[in-house]
Amino acid sequence: MRKSLMPLFFFLIGIVANAQQSPPGPTLPSPEEFVNAIYPTVVDSSFRQYYLVMGTDSCRFLKYDYDEWIKYHLKEPLSFNILNELSEKVYLSRYPYFWKQPKLQKALCITRKQADSILDRNKTPVFSFSLPQFTDDGQYAVIDLNLLCGPVCGRGVTCIYRRTTKGEWKLVGTDVNYSSF
C-alpha cells in the first residue's frame, strides 16, 4: 500500500508547488533594448552614431527628496511607492555591467581611456549611462545619463521613464546632477 501511495504523494506535491509559484511577471527589456528605445531623448538626432563608455556608471537615485521631485522634476505625478521602489532597485544593483555592443543600435562602445583621448582630440561628446532599473511591474525605469564634452565639461541627469500603453518609454522626470557647460 505504501508503494502505491508514493506516486500519488509526489503528484500532489507537484500540484501544490505549481499553485504556490507566482505568475510570471512582465517581460522587462534588456539594458541594451532600453537604451535603444530612449537614446533619441538624450542623443542629438544629427549624430549617425554616438560614443558610449562600455562600463556603466552608478545611478545617483539612491536617496531623493520626494517633495523636491514632485515640485521641480516630475512632468506627471508619481507615487511615493514608485520612487521608493526605483531607489531600492538602484541600491540593490550596484554591480559592474558592460554594454553588449552587438545589441546597441547607434552606440559605439569605448573604454574610459579611449573616451579621454576622443575628448582631448575631437571635442566629440561621449556618453556614459548607468544600468537602468525597472519597477517590478515593468512600468517605470530610472537611469543616469551623462554627457561628457571635455575634462571639465559635461552634464549628468537622472531620468525616470514610464512605459506607455503602446510600449514606448516616455520621459516623466529629470533631475540635473551636475552641469558644467
Protein backbone atom coordinates (compact mmCIF):
# COMPACT_ATOMS: atom_id res chain seq x y z
CA MET A 1 0.00 0.00 0.00
CA ARG A 2 2.87 2.35 0.83
CA LYS A 3 4.38 1.87 -2.66
CA SER A 4 1.06 2.64 -4.35
CA LEU A 5 0.62 5.89 -2.40
CA MET A 6 4.07 7.27 -3.29
CA PRO A 7 3.19 8.33 -6.88
CA LEU A 8 0.02 9.98 -5.60
CA PHE A 9 2.04 11.80 -2.92
CA PHE A 10 4.55 13.17 -5.48
CA PHE A 11 1.72 14.12 -7.83
CA LEU A 12 0.02 16.16 -5.07
CA ILE A 13 3.33 17.81 -4.08
CA GLY A 14 3.79 18.88 -7.72
CA ILE A 15 0.31 20.40 -7.86
CA VAL A 16 0.84 22.34 -4.62
CA ALA A 17 4.27 23.57 -5.74
CA ASN A 18 2.86 24.82 -9.05
CA ALA A 19 -0.02 26.56 -7.29
CA GLN A 20 2.38 28.38 -4.95
CA GLN A 21 4.55 29.78 -7.74
CA SER A 22 3.82 33.37 -8.54
CA PRO A 23 2.53 34.08 -12.02
CA PRO A 24 5.17 35.18 -14.50
CA GLY A 25 5.81 38.91 -14.31
CA PRO A 26 6.14 41.37 -17.14
CA THR A 27 8.95 40.93 -19.57
CA LEU A 28 11.50 43.61 -18.83
CA PRO A 29 13.67 44.90 -21.64
CA SER A 30 17.37 44.16 -21.58
CA PRO A 31 19.52 47.16 -20.66
CA GLU A 32 20.51 47.48 -24.33
CA GLU A 33 16.88 47.35 -25.54
CA PHE A 34 16.00 50.10 -23.07
CA VAL A 35 18.94 52.30 -24.16
CA ASN A 36 17.99 51.76 -27.82
CA ALA A 37 14.46 52.89 -27.01
CA ILE A 38 15.42 56.03 -25.07
CA TYR A 39 18.62 57.25 -26.73
CA PRO A 40 16.71 59.66 -29.05
CA THR A 41 15.59 61.57 -25.93
CA VAL A 42 19.24 62.10 -24.98
CA VAL A 43 21.47 61.97 -28.06
CA ASP A 44 21.29 64.67 -30.74
CA SER A 45 19.44 63.16 -33.72
CA SER A 46 22.02 64.59 -36.13
CA PHE A 47 24.58 62.05 -34.83
CA ARG A 48 24.70 58.96 -37.00
CA GLN A 49 26.36 57.15 -34.10
CA TYR A 50 27.46 58.10 -30.62
CA TYR A 51 30.27 57.03 -28.29
CA LEU A 52 29.25 55.19 -25.14
CA VAL A 53 31.64 54.27 -22.34
CA MET A 54 31.33 50.47 -22.17
CA GLY A 55 31.19 50.18 -18.37
CA THR A 56 28.12 51.54 -16.62
CA ASP A 57 28.19 54.33 -14.06
CA SER A 58 26.48 54.24 -10.69
CA CYS A 59 22.99 55.70 -10.65
CA ARG A 60 22.54 58.59 -8.24
CA PHE A 61 18.92 57.82 -7.44
CA LEU A 62 19.79 56.20 -4.10
CA LYS A 63 18.36 58.96 -1.95
CA TYR A 64 15.95 61.59 -3.14
CA ASP A 65 13.80 64.38 -1.76
CA TYR A 66 10.21 63.42 -2.58
CA ASP A 67 8.88 66.97 -2.22
CA GLU A 68 11.59 68.35 -4.48
CA TRP A 69 10.94 65.71 -7.16
CA ILE A 70 7.20 66.44 -7.03
CA LYS A 71 7.69 70.23 -7.22
CA TYR A 72 10.51 70.53 -9.74
CA HIS A 73 11.47 67.34 -11.50
CA LEU A 74 8.36 65.36 -12.47
CA LYS A 75 6.29 66.04 -15.58
CA GLU A 76 3.44 63.92 -14.23
CA PRO A 77 2.55 62.74 -10.72
CA LEU A 78 4.26 59.60 -9.44
CA SER A 79 3.55 57.90 -6.16
CA PHE A 80 5.99 57.72 -3.32
CA ASN A 81 5.90 53.90 -3.70
CA ILE A 82 7.15 54.01 -7.29
CA LEU A 83 10.03 56.34 -6.42
CA ASN A 84 10.92 54.21 -3.39
CA GLU A 85 10.91 51.03 -5.47
CA LEU A 86 13.20 52.59 -8.08
CA SER A 87 15.53 53.87 -5.37
CA GLU A 88 15.66 50.42 -3.77
CA LYS A 89 16.40 48.78 -7.13
CA VAL A 90 19.30 51.20 -7.66
CA TYR A 91 20.65 50.44 -4.18
CA LEU A 92 20.46 46.66 -4.68
CA SER A 93 22.03 46.64 -8.16
CA ARG A 94 25.38 48.25 -7.56
CA TYR A 95 27.46 45.85 -9.60
CA PRO A 96 29.51 46.44 -12.74
CA TYR A 97 27.85 45.94 -16.08
CA PHE A 98 29.38 46.20 -19.53
CA TRP A 99 27.23 47.11 -22.51
CA LYS A 100 26.85 44.45 -25.20
CA GLN A 101 27.94 46.26 -28.37
CA PRO A 102 26.14 43.98 -30.87
CA LYS A 103 22.79 44.74 -29.19
CA LEU A 104 23.17 48.53 -29.31
CA GLN A 105 21.85 50.19 -32.46
CA LYS A 106 23.71 53.51 -32.60
CA ALA A 107 26.32 53.34 -29.84
CA LEU A 108 29.99 52.65 -30.35
CA CYS A 109 31.30 51.24 -27.07
CA ILE A 110 34.68 52.58 -25.98
CA THR A 111 36.89 52.32 -22.91
CA ARG A 112 37.36 55.23 -20.48
CA LYS A 113 40.88 55.70 -21.82
CA GLN A 114 39.53 55.94 -25.38
CA ALA A 115 36.91 58.41 -24.16
CA ASP A 116 39.63 60.64 -22.70
CA SER A 117 41.53 60.51 -25.98
CA ILE A 118 38.43 61.34 -28.04
CA LEU A 119 37.53 64.24 -25.76
CA ASP A 120 41.08 65.63 -25.93
CA ARG A 121 41.38 65.41 -29.72
CA ASN A 122 37.99 65.77 -31.33
CA LYS A 123 35.79 67.61 -28.90
CA THR A 124 33.22 64.96 -29.84
CA PRO A 125 30.79 64.24 -27.00
CA VAL A 126 30.94 60.92 -25.21
CA PHE A 127 28.10 59.42 -23.21
CA SER A 128 28.12 57.22 -20.16
CA PHE A 129 24.98 55.67 -18.71
CA SER A 130 24.08 53.84 -15.53
CA LEU A 131 22.41 50.46 -15.65
CA PRO A 132 18.65 51.06 -15.96
CA GLN A 133 16.47 49.80 -13.12
CA PHE A 134 12.82 48.87 -13.51
CA THR A 135 9.85 48.59 -11.17
CA ASP A 136 8.61 45.04 -10.66
CA ASP A 137 5.61 45.68 -12.90
CA GLY A 138 7.91 46.94 -15.68
CA GLN A 139 6.06 50.26 -15.98
CA TYR A 140 8.79 52.62 -14.74
CA ALA A 141 12.55 52.86 -15.14
CA VAL A 142 15.32 55.07 -13.79
CA ILE A 143 18.71 55.70 -15.39
CA ASP A 144 21.53 58.24 -15.15
CA LEU A 145 22.56 59.72 -18.48
CA ASN A 146 25.86 61.57 -18.64
CA LEU A 147 27.22 63.68 -21.49
CA LEU A 148 30.96 64.33 -21.40
CA CYS A 149 32.33 67.08 -23.62
CA GLY A 150 35.77 67.65 -22.12
CA PRO A 151 37.87 67.27 -18.97
CA VAL A 152 35.76 69.85 -17.11
CA CYS A 153 32.73 69.92 -19.37
CA GLY A 154 29.67 67.73 -19.04
CA ARG A 155 26.17 67.19 -17.76
CA GLY A 156 24.64 64.40 -15.72
CA VAL A 157 20.92 63.81 -15.45
CA THR A 158 18.81 61.25 -13.59
CA CYS A 159 15.82 60.34 -15.75
CA ILE A 160 12.63 58.50 -14.91
CA TYR A 161 10.65 56.92 -17.73
CA ARG A 162 7.14 55.44 -17.89
CA ARG A 163 6.11 52.75 -20.36
CA THR A 164 3.11 53.88 -22.40
CA THR A 165 0.24 51.66 -23.48
CA LYS A 166 1.97 51.42 -26.88
CA GLY A 167 5.10 50.04 -25.20
CA GLU A 168 7.18 53.17 -25.76
CA TRP A 169 9.18 54.86 -22.98
CA LYS A 170 8.06 58.38 -22.08
CA LEU A 171 10.33 60.69 -20.09
CA VAL A 172 8.36 61.69 -16.97
CA GLY A 173 11.05 63.15 -14.72
CA THR A 174 14.56 64.60 -14.83
CA ASP A 175 16.96 65.94 -12.24
CA VAL A 176 20.26 67.53 -13.25
CA ASN A 177 23.01 66.09 -11.05
CA TYR A 178 25.78 68.30 -12.42
CA SER A 179 26.34 70.65 -15.32
CA SER A 180 29.48 72.43 -16.42
CA PHE A 181 28.93 73.78 -19.90
